[in-house]
């Protein structure tokens, strides 16, 4: 069996806490949910444990989902945050997504049933984003090594773009062919 996905969930409504935990832990089974009902509990868990994802109600007594998002971004910027709400609007959802939330889910029975798949999708998106970043960094390092090797070699270089039919040559290649740039 694969490792459980660790979720930190902050919500001050006991019924909603139970509903979400049941959807993630009992019905789906692939999640381990740690719950927090207050800002203090949330911040303590966030700084003391390791999680794969944060799930937050949008309106917590004295604390908003956007503040939760800000706290996570401040300390763990790569940790995805999904906001859930029973009273949200399209404007709030847009604001949350623009602020960096990975997703926004309405607390209806249909949406909560799909919550595990939403969270899995968010985590897959995070994995792909990380993989893309790592691949881009490897490519940049490889290009730098190639440039360094070519600058040390007494070789000319040319490139022919088959799509645009554009030929690019460096000064050494031109010299090797006996031409002058100018």
N, C-alpha and C. Protein backbone atom coordinates (compact mmCIF):
# COMPACT_ATOMS: atom_id res chain seq x y z
N UNK A 1 0.84 -1.19 0.00
CA UNK A 1 0.00 0.00 0.00
C UNK A 1 0.88 1.24 0.00
N UNK A 2 0.48 2.25 -0.77
CA UNK A 2 1.27 3.47 -0.84
C UNK A 2 1.07 4.30 0.43
N UNK A 3 1.97 5.25 0.61
CA UNK A 3 1.94 6.10 1.78
C UNK A 3 0.73 7.02 1.74
N UNK A 4 0.15 7.28 2.89
CA UNK A 4 -1.00 8.17 2.97
C UNK A 4 -0.60 9.61 2.70
N UNK A 5 -1.49 10.37 2.09
CA UNK A 5 -1.28 11.79 1.83
C UNK A 5 -1.64 12.54 3.10
N UNK A 6 -0.68 13.34 3.58
CA UNK A 6 -0.87 14.06 4.86
C UNK A 6 -1.48 15.43 4.59
N UNK A 7 -2.65 15.66 5.17
CA UNK A 7 -3.39 16.90 4.98
C UNK A 7 -3.57 17.59 6.32
N UNK A 8 -3.28 18.89 6.35
CA UNK A 8 -3.59 19.72 7.50
C UNK A 8 -4.85 20.50 7.15
N UNK A 9 -5.91 20.28 7.93
CA UNK A 9 -7.22 20.88 7.64
C UNK A 9 -7.63 21.78 8.78
N UNK A 10 -7.87 23.06 8.47
CA UNK A 10 -8.33 24.01 9.47
C UNK A 10 -9.77 24.42 9.18
N UNK A 11 -10.61 24.22 10.19
CA UNK A 11 -12.02 24.58 10.09
C UNK A 11 -12.55 24.65 11.52
N UNK A 12 -13.37 25.65 11.81
CA UNK A 12 -13.89 25.79 13.17
C UNK A 12 -15.28 25.17 13.34
N UNK A 13 -15.80 24.51 12.31
CA UNK A 13 -17.11 23.88 12.39
C UNK A 13 -16.92 22.37 12.56
N UNK A 14 -17.27 21.84 13.74
CA UNK A 14 -17.06 20.41 13.98
C UNK A 14 -17.76 19.49 12.97
N UNK A 15 -18.95 19.87 12.51
CA UNK A 15 -19.66 19.04 11.53
C UNK A 15 -18.91 19.00 10.20
N UNK A 16 -18.37 20.15 9.79
CA UNK A 16 -17.60 20.19 8.54
C UNK A 16 -16.29 19.43 8.68
N UNK A 17 -15.64 19.55 9.83
CA UNK A 17 -14.42 18.78 10.08
C UNK A 17 -14.69 17.29 9.91
N UNK A 18 -15.78 16.84 10.51
CA UNK A 18 -16.14 15.42 10.44
C UNK A 18 -16.48 15.00 9.01
N UNK A 19 -17.22 15.83 8.31
CA UNK A 19 -17.63 15.53 6.93
C UNK A 19 -16.41 15.39 6.02
N UNK A 20 -15.49 16.33 6.10
CA UNK A 20 -14.31 16.31 5.24
C UNK A 20 -13.40 15.14 5.62
N UNK A 21 -13.20 14.93 6.92
CA UNK A 21 -12.35 13.80 7.35
C UNK A 21 -12.94 12.47 6.90
N UNK A 22 -14.26 12.34 6.97
CA UNK A 22 -14.90 11.10 6.52
C UNK A 22 -14.69 10.90 5.03
N UNK A 23 -14.81 11.97 4.25
CA UNK A 23 -14.63 11.87 2.79
C UNK A 23 -13.20 11.48 2.44
N UNK A 24 -12.24 12.00 3.18
CA UNK A 24 -10.84 11.75 2.84
C UNK A 24 -10.29 10.47 3.45
N UNK A 25 -10.60 10.23 4.71
CA UNK A 25 -10.01 9.09 5.42
C UNK A 25 -10.83 7.81 5.31
N UNK A 26 -12.14 7.93 5.41
CA UNK A 26 -12.97 6.72 5.44
C UNK A 26 -13.43 6.30 4.05
N UNK A 27 -13.99 7.22 3.30
CA UNK A 27 -14.53 6.86 1.98
C UNK A 27 -13.43 6.65 0.95
N UNK A 28 -12.42 7.51 0.96
CA UNK A 28 -11.33 7.35 -0.01
C UNK A 28 -10.22 6.49 0.57
N UNK A 29 -9.79 6.82 1.78
CA UNK A 29 -8.80 6.02 2.48
C UNK A 29 -7.35 6.35 2.20
N UNK A 30 -7.07 7.24 1.28
CA UNK A 30 -5.69 7.53 0.93
C UNK A 30 -5.10 8.73 1.66
N UNK A 31 -5.82 9.23 2.66
CA UNK A 31 -5.40 10.46 3.32
C UNK A 31 -5.30 10.28 4.83
N UNK A 32 -4.39 11.02 5.42
CA UNK A 32 -4.26 11.13 6.88
C UNK A 32 -4.48 12.61 7.17
N UNK A 33 -5.58 12.93 7.86
CA UNK A 33 -5.96 14.32 8.08
C UNK A 33 -5.66 14.72 9.53
N UNK A 34 -4.94 15.82 9.67
CA UNK A 34 -4.73 16.45 10.97
C UNK A 34 -5.61 17.69 10.99
N UNK A 35 -6.44 17.82 12.01
CA UNK A 35 -7.39 18.93 12.03
C UNK A 35 -6.98 19.98 13.05
N UNK A 36 -7.31 21.20 12.72
CA UNK A 36 -7.10 22.34 13.60
C UNK A 36 -8.37 23.18 13.57
N UNK A 37 -8.82 23.61 14.74
CA UNK A 37 -10.04 24.42 14.81
C UNK A 37 -9.74 25.89 15.06
N UNK A 38 -8.48 26.21 15.37
CA UNK A 38 -8.11 27.60 15.65
C UNK A 38 -6.83 27.96 14.91
N UNK A 39 -6.59 29.24 14.82
CA UNK A 39 -5.37 29.75 14.19
C UNK A 39 -4.13 29.21 14.93
N UNK A 40 -4.18 29.24 16.25
CA UNK A 40 -3.05 28.79 17.05
C UNK A 40 -2.75 27.31 16.79
N UNK A 41 -3.78 26.48 16.78
CA UNK A 41 -3.58 25.05 16.48
C UNK A 41 -2.98 24.88 15.08
N UNK A 42 -3.55 25.59 14.13
CA UNK A 42 -3.07 25.49 12.75
C UNK A 42 -1.59 25.85 12.65
N UNK A 43 -1.21 26.99 13.21
CA UNK A 43 0.18 27.44 13.12
C UNK A 43 1.12 26.49 13.85
N UNK A 44 0.68 25.94 14.96
CA UNK A 44 1.51 24.97 15.69
C UNK A 44 1.75 23.74 14.83
N UNK A 45 0.69 23.17 14.27
CA UNK A 45 0.85 21.99 13.41
C UNK A 45 1.69 22.30 12.18
N UNK A 46 1.45 23.45 11.56
CA UNK A 46 2.15 23.82 10.34
C UNK A 46 3.66 23.87 10.56
N UNK A 47 4.07 24.37 11.72
CA UNK A 47 5.50 24.54 12.00
C UNK A 47 6.14 23.32 12.65
N UNK A 48 5.33 22.38 13.13
CA UNK A 48 5.90 21.23 13.84
C UNK A 48 5.85 19.94 13.05
N UNK A 49 5.05 19.87 12.01
CA UNK A 49 4.88 18.61 11.30
C UNK A 49 5.07 18.84 9.80
N UNK A 50 5.04 17.76 9.04
CA UNK A 50 5.20 17.82 7.59
C UNK A 50 3.89 17.39 6.94
N UNK A 51 3.44 18.18 5.99
CA UNK A 51 2.19 17.89 5.30
C UNK A 51 2.41 17.96 3.80
N UNK A 52 1.54 17.26 3.07
CA UNK A 52 1.58 17.29 1.61
C UNK A 52 0.69 18.40 1.05
N UNK A 53 -0.28 18.83 1.88
CA UNK A 53 -1.27 19.78 1.41
C UNK A 53 -1.97 20.41 2.60
N UNK A 54 -2.42 21.66 2.44
CA UNK A 54 -3.24 22.33 3.45
C UNK A 54 -4.62 22.53 2.87
N UNK A 55 -5.61 22.22 3.66
CA UNK A 55 -7.01 22.41 3.31
C UNK A 55 -7.56 23.38 4.34
N UNK A 56 -8.21 24.45 3.89
CA UNK A 56 -8.69 25.46 4.83
C UNK A 56 -10.09 25.92 4.49
N UNK A 57 -10.89 26.05 5.54
CA UNK A 57 -12.18 26.70 5.40
C UNK A 57 -11.89 28.15 5.04
N UNK A 58 -12.82 28.80 4.34
CA UNK A 58 -12.57 30.19 3.98
C UNK A 58 -12.85 31.13 5.14
N UNK A 59 -13.85 30.81 5.95
CA UNK A 59 -14.19 31.66 7.09
C UNK A 59 -14.05 30.88 8.39
N UNK A 60 -12.96 31.17 9.09
CA UNK A 60 -12.72 30.56 10.39
C UNK A 60 -12.85 31.71 11.39
N UNK A 61 -13.40 31.45 12.54
CA UNK A 61 -13.62 32.50 13.53
C UNK A 61 -12.33 33.31 13.77
N UNK A 62 -12.33 34.56 13.33
CA UNK A 62 -11.18 35.44 13.53
C UNK A 62 -10.02 35.20 12.60
N UNK A 63 -10.21 34.40 11.56
CA UNK A 63 -9.12 34.02 10.67
C UNK A 63 -9.75 33.66 9.32
N UNK A 64 -9.15 34.09 8.23
CA UNK A 64 -9.73 33.77 6.93
C UNK A 64 -8.84 32.79 6.17
N UNK A 65 -9.41 32.17 5.20
CA UNK A 65 -8.65 31.25 4.35
C UNK A 65 -7.50 31.95 3.63
N UNK A 66 -7.70 33.23 3.29
CA UNK A 66 -6.62 33.98 2.64
C UNK A 66 -5.46 34.21 3.61
N UNK A 67 -5.76 34.37 4.90
CA UNK A 67 -4.69 34.50 5.90
C UNK A 67 -3.97 33.17 6.07
N UNK A 68 -4.71 32.07 6.03
CA UNK A 68 -4.09 30.74 6.07
C UNK A 68 -3.15 30.61 4.88
N UNK A 69 -3.64 30.97 3.71
CA UNK A 69 -2.83 30.90 2.49
C UNK A 69 -1.56 31.73 2.64
N UNK A 70 -1.69 32.94 3.15
CA UNK A 70 -0.53 33.80 3.36
C UNK A 70 0.48 33.20 4.32
N UNK A 71 0.01 32.59 5.39
CA UNK A 71 0.89 31.97 6.38
C UNK A 71 1.66 30.80 5.74
N UNK A 72 0.98 30.00 4.97
CA UNK A 72 1.63 28.87 4.31
C UNK A 72 2.65 29.38 3.29
N UNK A 73 2.26 30.36 2.49
CA UNK A 73 3.17 30.89 1.47
C UNK A 73 4.41 31.52 2.10
N UNK A 74 4.25 32.09 3.27
CA UNK A 74 5.36 32.74 3.96
C UNK A 74 6.41 31.73 4.42
N UNK A 75 5.98 30.59 4.94
CA UNK A 75 6.91 29.62 5.51
C UNK A 75 7.18 28.41 4.62
N UNK A 76 6.18 28.00 3.86
CA UNK A 76 6.32 26.80 3.01
C UNK A 76 5.71 27.10 1.64
N UNK A 77 6.38 27.92 0.84
CA UNK A 77 5.78 28.39 -0.41
C UNK A 77 5.43 27.31 -1.43
N UNK A 78 6.02 26.13 -1.33
CA UNK A 78 5.70 25.07 -2.28
C UNK A 78 4.55 24.18 -1.82
N UNK A 79 4.07 24.38 -0.61
CA UNK A 79 2.98 23.57 -0.07
C UNK A 79 1.64 24.07 -0.62
N UNK A 80 0.92 23.23 -1.37
CA UNK A 80 -0.35 23.68 -1.95
C UNK A 80 -1.43 23.87 -0.89
N UNK A 81 -2.27 24.88 -1.13
CA UNK A 81 -3.40 25.19 -0.25
C UNK A 81 -4.68 25.15 -1.07
N UNK A 82 -5.65 24.39 -0.57
CA UNK A 82 -6.97 24.33 -1.19
C UNK A 82 -7.96 24.92 -0.19
N UNK A 83 -8.78 25.85 -0.66
CA UNK A 83 -9.78 26.48 0.21
C UNK A 83 -11.13 25.83 -0.03
N UNK A 84 -11.86 25.63 1.07
CA UNK A 84 -13.22 25.09 1.00
C UNK A 84 -14.14 26.05 1.74
N UNK A 85 -15.36 26.17 1.26
CA UNK A 85 -16.30 27.07 1.92
C UNK A 85 -17.73 26.67 1.64
N UNK A 86 -18.58 27.01 2.57
CA UNK A 86 -20.00 26.78 2.38
C UNK A 86 -20.72 28.05 1.99
N UNK A 87 -20.04 29.17 2.08
CA UNK A 87 -20.69 30.46 1.83
C UNK A 87 -19.95 31.29 0.79
N UNK A 88 -19.14 30.67 -0.02
CA UNK A 88 -18.30 31.42 -0.95
C UNK A 88 -19.04 31.92 -2.16
N UNK A 89 -18.38 32.80 -2.86
CA UNK A 89 -18.92 33.35 -4.09
C UNK A 89 -17.85 33.22 -5.17
N UNK A 90 -18.25 33.51 -6.38
CA UNK A 90 -17.30 33.45 -7.50
C UNK A 90 -16.18 34.46 -7.30
N UNK A 91 -16.50 35.64 -6.76
CA UNK A 91 -15.48 36.66 -6.52
C UNK A 91 -14.44 36.18 -5.52
N UNK A 92 -14.89 35.52 -4.45
CA UNK A 92 -13.97 35.00 -3.44
C UNK A 92 -13.09 33.91 -4.04
N UNK A 93 -13.69 33.06 -4.86
CA UNK A 93 -12.92 31.99 -5.49
C UNK A 93 -11.83 32.58 -6.38
N UNK A 94 -12.16 33.58 -7.16
CA UNK A 94 -11.18 34.23 -8.03
C UNK A 94 -10.08 34.88 -7.21
N UNK A 95 -10.47 35.57 -6.14
CA UNK A 95 -9.48 36.21 -5.26
C UNK A 95 -8.54 35.16 -4.66
N UNK A 96 -9.09 34.04 -4.23
CA UNK A 96 -8.27 32.98 -3.64
C UNK A 96 -7.29 32.41 -4.66
N UNK A 97 -7.75 32.14 -5.86
CA UNK A 97 -6.88 31.58 -6.89
C UNK A 97 -5.81 32.58 -7.32
N UNK A 98 -6.18 33.84 -7.43
CA UNK A 98 -5.20 34.87 -7.78
C UNK A 98 -4.16 35.03 -6.67
N UNK A 99 -4.55 34.76 -5.44
CA UNK A 99 -3.63 34.88 -4.31
C UNK A 99 -2.70 33.68 -4.19
N UNK A 100 -2.97 32.64 -4.96
CA UNK A 100 -2.08 31.48 -4.97
C UNK A 100 -2.68 30.19 -4.47
N UNK A 101 -3.96 30.17 -4.17
CA UNK A 101 -4.60 28.91 -3.77
C UNK A 101 -4.53 27.93 -4.95
N UNK A 102 -4.32 26.67 -4.64
CA UNK A 102 -4.23 25.65 -5.68
C UNK A 102 -5.60 25.30 -6.25
N UNK A 103 -6.63 25.44 -5.41
CA UNK A 103 -8.00 25.17 -5.86
C UNK A 103 -8.97 25.74 -4.84
N UNK A 104 -10.24 25.69 -5.17
CA UNK A 104 -11.30 26.25 -4.34
C UNK A 104 -12.50 25.33 -4.47
N UNK A 105 -13.00 24.82 -3.35
CA UNK A 105 -14.07 23.83 -3.37
C UNK A 105 -15.24 24.31 -2.51
N UNK A 106 -16.44 24.17 -3.04
CA UNK A 106 -17.66 24.52 -2.30
C UNK A 106 -18.05 23.32 -1.43
N UNK A 107 -18.50 23.60 -0.21
CA UNK A 107 -18.89 22.53 0.72
C UNK A 107 -20.33 22.11 0.46
N UNK A 108 -20.50 21.34 -0.58
CA UNK A 108 -21.78 20.67 -0.80
C UNK A 108 -21.46 19.18 -0.81
N UNK A 109 -22.47 18.38 -0.62
CA UNK A 109 -22.20 16.93 -0.55
C UNK A 109 -21.56 16.43 -1.85
N UNK A 110 -21.98 16.93 -3.00
CA UNK A 110 -21.39 16.50 -4.28
C UNK A 110 -19.92 16.90 -4.39
N UNK A 111 -19.63 18.14 -3.99
CA UNK A 111 -18.24 18.62 -4.08
C UNK A 111 -17.35 17.90 -3.06
N UNK A 112 -17.87 17.63 -1.88
CA UNK A 112 -17.08 16.94 -0.86
C UNK A 112 -16.80 15.50 -1.29
N UNK A 113 -17.74 14.88 -1.98
CA UNK A 113 -17.50 13.52 -2.50
C UNK A 113 -16.32 13.51 -3.49
N UNK A 114 -16.20 14.60 -4.24
CA UNK A 114 -15.12 14.70 -5.23
C UNK A 114 -13.83 15.30 -4.65
N UNK A 115 -13.88 15.72 -3.38
CA UNK A 115 -12.72 16.37 -2.76
C UNK A 115 -11.44 15.53 -2.84
N UNK A 116 -11.49 14.22 -2.56
CA UNK A 116 -10.24 13.45 -2.66
C UNK A 116 -9.60 13.54 -4.05
N UNK A 117 -10.40 13.54 -5.09
CA UNK A 117 -9.89 13.59 -6.45
C UNK A 117 -9.37 15.00 -6.79
N UNK A 118 -10.00 16.00 -6.21
CA UNK A 118 -9.50 17.37 -6.37
C UNK A 118 -8.13 17.49 -5.74
N UNK A 119 -7.96 16.95 -4.53
CA UNK A 119 -6.68 17.03 -3.84
C UNK A 119 -5.61 16.23 -4.58
N UNK A 120 -5.98 15.06 -5.08
CA UNK A 120 -5.02 14.27 -5.86
C UNK A 120 -4.59 15.02 -7.13
N UNK A 121 -5.53 15.70 -7.75
CA UNK A 121 -5.22 16.48 -8.94
C UNK A 121 -4.28 17.64 -8.61
N UNK A 122 -4.51 18.31 -7.50
CA UNK A 122 -3.64 19.40 -7.06
C UNK A 122 -2.23 18.88 -6.82
N UNK A 123 -2.12 17.74 -6.14
CA UNK A 123 -0.80 17.17 -5.86
C UNK A 123 -0.09 16.72 -7.13
N UNK A 124 -0.83 16.19 -8.09
CA UNK A 124 -0.23 15.80 -9.36
C UNK A 124 0.26 17.05 -10.11
N UNK A 125 -0.51 18.11 -10.06
CA UNK A 125 -0.08 19.37 -10.67
C UNK A 125 1.19 19.89 -10.02
N UNK A 126 1.27 19.79 -8.71
CA UNK A 126 2.48 20.22 -8.00
C UNK A 126 3.67 19.36 -8.42
N UNK A 127 3.46 18.05 -8.52
CA UNK A 127 4.53 17.14 -8.91
C UNK A 127 5.03 17.48 -10.32
N UNK A 128 4.11 17.72 -11.24
CA UNK A 128 4.48 18.05 -12.61
C UNK A 128 5.21 19.40 -12.68
N UNK A 129 4.75 20.35 -11.90
CA UNK A 129 5.41 21.66 -11.86
C UNK A 129 6.83 21.53 -11.34
N UNK A 130 7.02 20.75 -10.29
CA UNK A 130 8.35 20.53 -9.73
C UNK A 130 9.24 19.81 -10.74
N UNK A 131 8.69 18.81 -11.40
CA UNK A 131 9.44 18.06 -12.41
C UNK A 131 9.86 18.97 -13.58
N UNK A 132 8.96 19.84 -14.00
CA UNK A 132 9.26 20.78 -15.08
C UNK A 132 10.37 21.74 -14.66
N UNK A 133 10.28 22.26 -13.45
CA UNK A 133 11.31 23.17 -12.94
C UNK A 133 12.66 22.47 -12.89
N UNK A 134 12.69 21.25 -12.39
CA UNK A 134 13.95 20.51 -12.30
C UNK A 134 14.52 20.23 -13.70
N UNK A 135 13.66 19.90 -14.65
CA UNK A 135 14.10 19.63 -16.02
C UNK A 135 14.66 20.91 -16.65
N UNK A 136 14.00 22.04 -16.42
CA UNK A 136 14.49 23.31 -16.96
C UNK A 136 15.85 23.67 -16.36
N UNK A 137 16.02 23.42 -15.07
CA UNK A 137 17.31 23.70 -14.42
C UNK A 137 18.40 22.80 -14.98
N UNK A 138 18.10 21.53 -15.21
CA UNK A 138 19.08 20.62 -15.81
C UNK A 138 19.45 21.07 -17.22
N UNK A 139 18.46 21.51 -17.98
CA UNK A 139 18.71 21.97 -19.34
C UNK A 139 19.62 23.21 -19.33
N UNK A 140 19.36 24.14 -18.44
CA UNK A 140 20.21 25.33 -18.35
C UNK A 140 21.64 24.97 -17.98
N UNK A 141 21.82 24.06 -17.02
CA UNK A 141 23.17 23.62 -16.65
C UNK A 141 23.85 22.93 -17.82
N UNK A 142 23.12 22.13 -18.55
CA UNK A 142 23.67 21.43 -19.71
C UNK A 142 24.09 22.42 -20.79
N UNK A 143 23.26 23.42 -21.04
CA UNK A 143 23.59 24.44 -22.03
C UNK A 143 24.84 25.21 -21.62
N UNK A 144 24.96 25.52 -20.33
CA UNK A 144 26.16 26.23 -19.86
C UNK A 144 27.41 25.38 -20.05
N UNK A 145 27.32 24.10 -19.77
CA UNK A 145 28.47 23.20 -19.96
C UNK A 145 28.83 23.11 -21.45
N UNK A 146 27.82 23.04 -22.31
CA UNK A 146 28.07 22.98 -23.74
C UNK A 146 28.74 24.26 -24.24
N UNK A 147 28.25 25.42 -23.78
CA UNK A 147 28.87 26.69 -24.16
C UNK A 147 30.32 26.75 -23.70
N UNK A 148 30.58 26.30 -22.51
CA UNK A 148 31.94 26.29 -21.97
C UNK A 148 32.84 25.38 -22.81
N UNK A 149 32.34 24.20 -23.15
CA UNK A 149 33.12 23.26 -23.96
C UNK A 149 33.39 23.83 -25.35
N UNK A 150 32.39 24.42 -25.96
CA UNK A 150 32.57 24.98 -27.30
C UNK A 150 33.51 26.18 -27.29
N UNK A 151 33.46 26.97 -26.23
CA UNK A 151 34.35 28.14 -26.18
C UNK A 151 35.81 27.72 -26.03
N UNK A 152 36.06 26.57 -25.43
CA UNK A 152 37.42 26.07 -25.25
C UNK A 152 37.94 25.28 -26.44
N UNK A 153 37.06 24.86 -27.29
CA UNK A 153 37.47 24.07 -28.46
C UNK A 153 37.69 25.00 -29.65
N UNK A 154 38.53 24.58 -30.53
CA UNK A 154 38.79 25.38 -31.72
C UNK A 154 37.85 24.90 -32.83
N UNK A 155 36.57 25.00 -32.56
CA UNK A 155 35.56 24.52 -33.49
C UNK A 155 34.58 25.64 -33.82
N UNK A 156 34.07 25.60 -34.99
CA UNK A 156 33.00 26.51 -35.34
C UNK A 156 31.67 25.83 -35.05
N UNK A 157 30.62 26.61 -35.02
CA UNK A 157 29.31 26.04 -34.71
C UNK A 157 28.28 26.64 -35.66
N UNK A 158 27.38 25.80 -36.11
CA UNK A 158 26.29 26.26 -36.93
C UNK A 158 25.01 25.53 -36.51
N UNK A 159 23.88 26.15 -36.85
CA UNK A 159 22.58 25.56 -36.52
C UNK A 159 21.63 25.90 -37.66
N UNK A 160 20.92 24.88 -38.13
CA UNK A 160 19.96 25.08 -39.21
C UNK A 160 18.59 24.72 -38.67
N UNK A 161 17.70 25.69 -38.61
CA UNK A 161 16.33 25.48 -38.16
C UNK A 161 15.52 25.00 -39.36
N UNK A 162 15.13 23.74 -39.32
CA UNK A 162 14.41 23.16 -40.45
C UNK A 162 13.01 23.72 -40.62
N UNK A 163 12.44 24.22 -39.55
CA UNK A 163 11.09 24.78 -39.63
C UNK A 163 11.11 26.14 -40.31
N UNK A 164 12.05 26.99 -39.90
CA UNK A 164 12.09 28.36 -40.45
C UNK A 164 13.10 28.49 -41.59
N UNK A 165 13.88 27.43 -41.84
CA UNK A 165 14.93 27.42 -42.85
C UNK A 165 15.96 28.52 -42.57
N UNK A 166 16.20 28.77 -41.28
CA UNK A 166 17.15 29.80 -40.87
C UNK A 166 18.47 29.13 -40.48
N UNK A 167 19.57 29.69 -40.99
CA UNK A 167 20.90 29.19 -40.68
C UNK A 167 21.59 30.19 -39.76
N UNK A 168 22.14 29.69 -38.66
CA UNK A 168 22.88 30.52 -37.71
C UNK A 168 24.28 29.96 -37.61
N UNK A 169 25.27 30.84 -37.74
CA UNK A 169 26.67 30.41 -37.64
C UNK A 169 27.40 31.34 -36.67
N UNK A 170 28.45 30.81 -36.03
CA UNK A 170 29.27 31.67 -35.19
C UNK A 170 30.48 32.16 -35.97
N UNK A 171 31.21 33.12 -35.40
CA UNK A 171 32.33 33.74 -36.11
C UNK A 171 33.41 32.72 -36.47
N UNK A 172 33.65 31.72 -35.63
CA UNK A 172 34.71 30.74 -35.89
C UNK A 172 34.37 29.89 -37.11
N UNK A 173 33.11 29.52 -37.25
CA UNK A 173 32.68 28.72 -38.41
C UNK A 173 32.90 29.50 -39.70
N UNK A 174 32.55 30.79 -39.67
CA UNK A 174 32.73 31.64 -40.84
C UNK A 174 34.21 31.72 -41.19
N UNK A 175 35.06 31.92 -40.18
CA UNK A 175 36.52 31.97 -40.42
C UNK A 175 37.04 30.66 -41.00
N UNK A 176 36.54 29.53 -40.49
CA UNK A 176 37.00 28.23 -40.97
C UNK A 176 36.65 28.03 -42.45
N UNK A 177 35.55 28.62 -42.87
CA UNK A 177 35.14 28.51 -44.26
C UNK A 177 35.83 29.54 -45.14
N UNK A 178 36.58 30.46 -44.52
CA UNK A 178 37.34 31.45 -45.27
C UNK A 178 36.56 32.70 -45.59
N UNK A 179 35.47 32.95 -44.93
CA UNK A 179 34.69 34.16 -45.15
C UNK A 179 35.02 35.19 -44.09
N UNK A 180 34.58 36.41 -44.34
CA UNK A 180 34.75 37.48 -43.36
C UNK A 180 33.37 38.03 -43.01
N UNK A 181 33.18 38.26 -41.71
CA UNK A 181 31.93 38.90 -41.28
C UNK A 181 32.09 40.40 -41.46
N UNK A 182 31.06 41.04 -41.85
CA UNK A 182 31.25 42.46 -41.87
C UNK A 182 30.44 43.17 -42.80
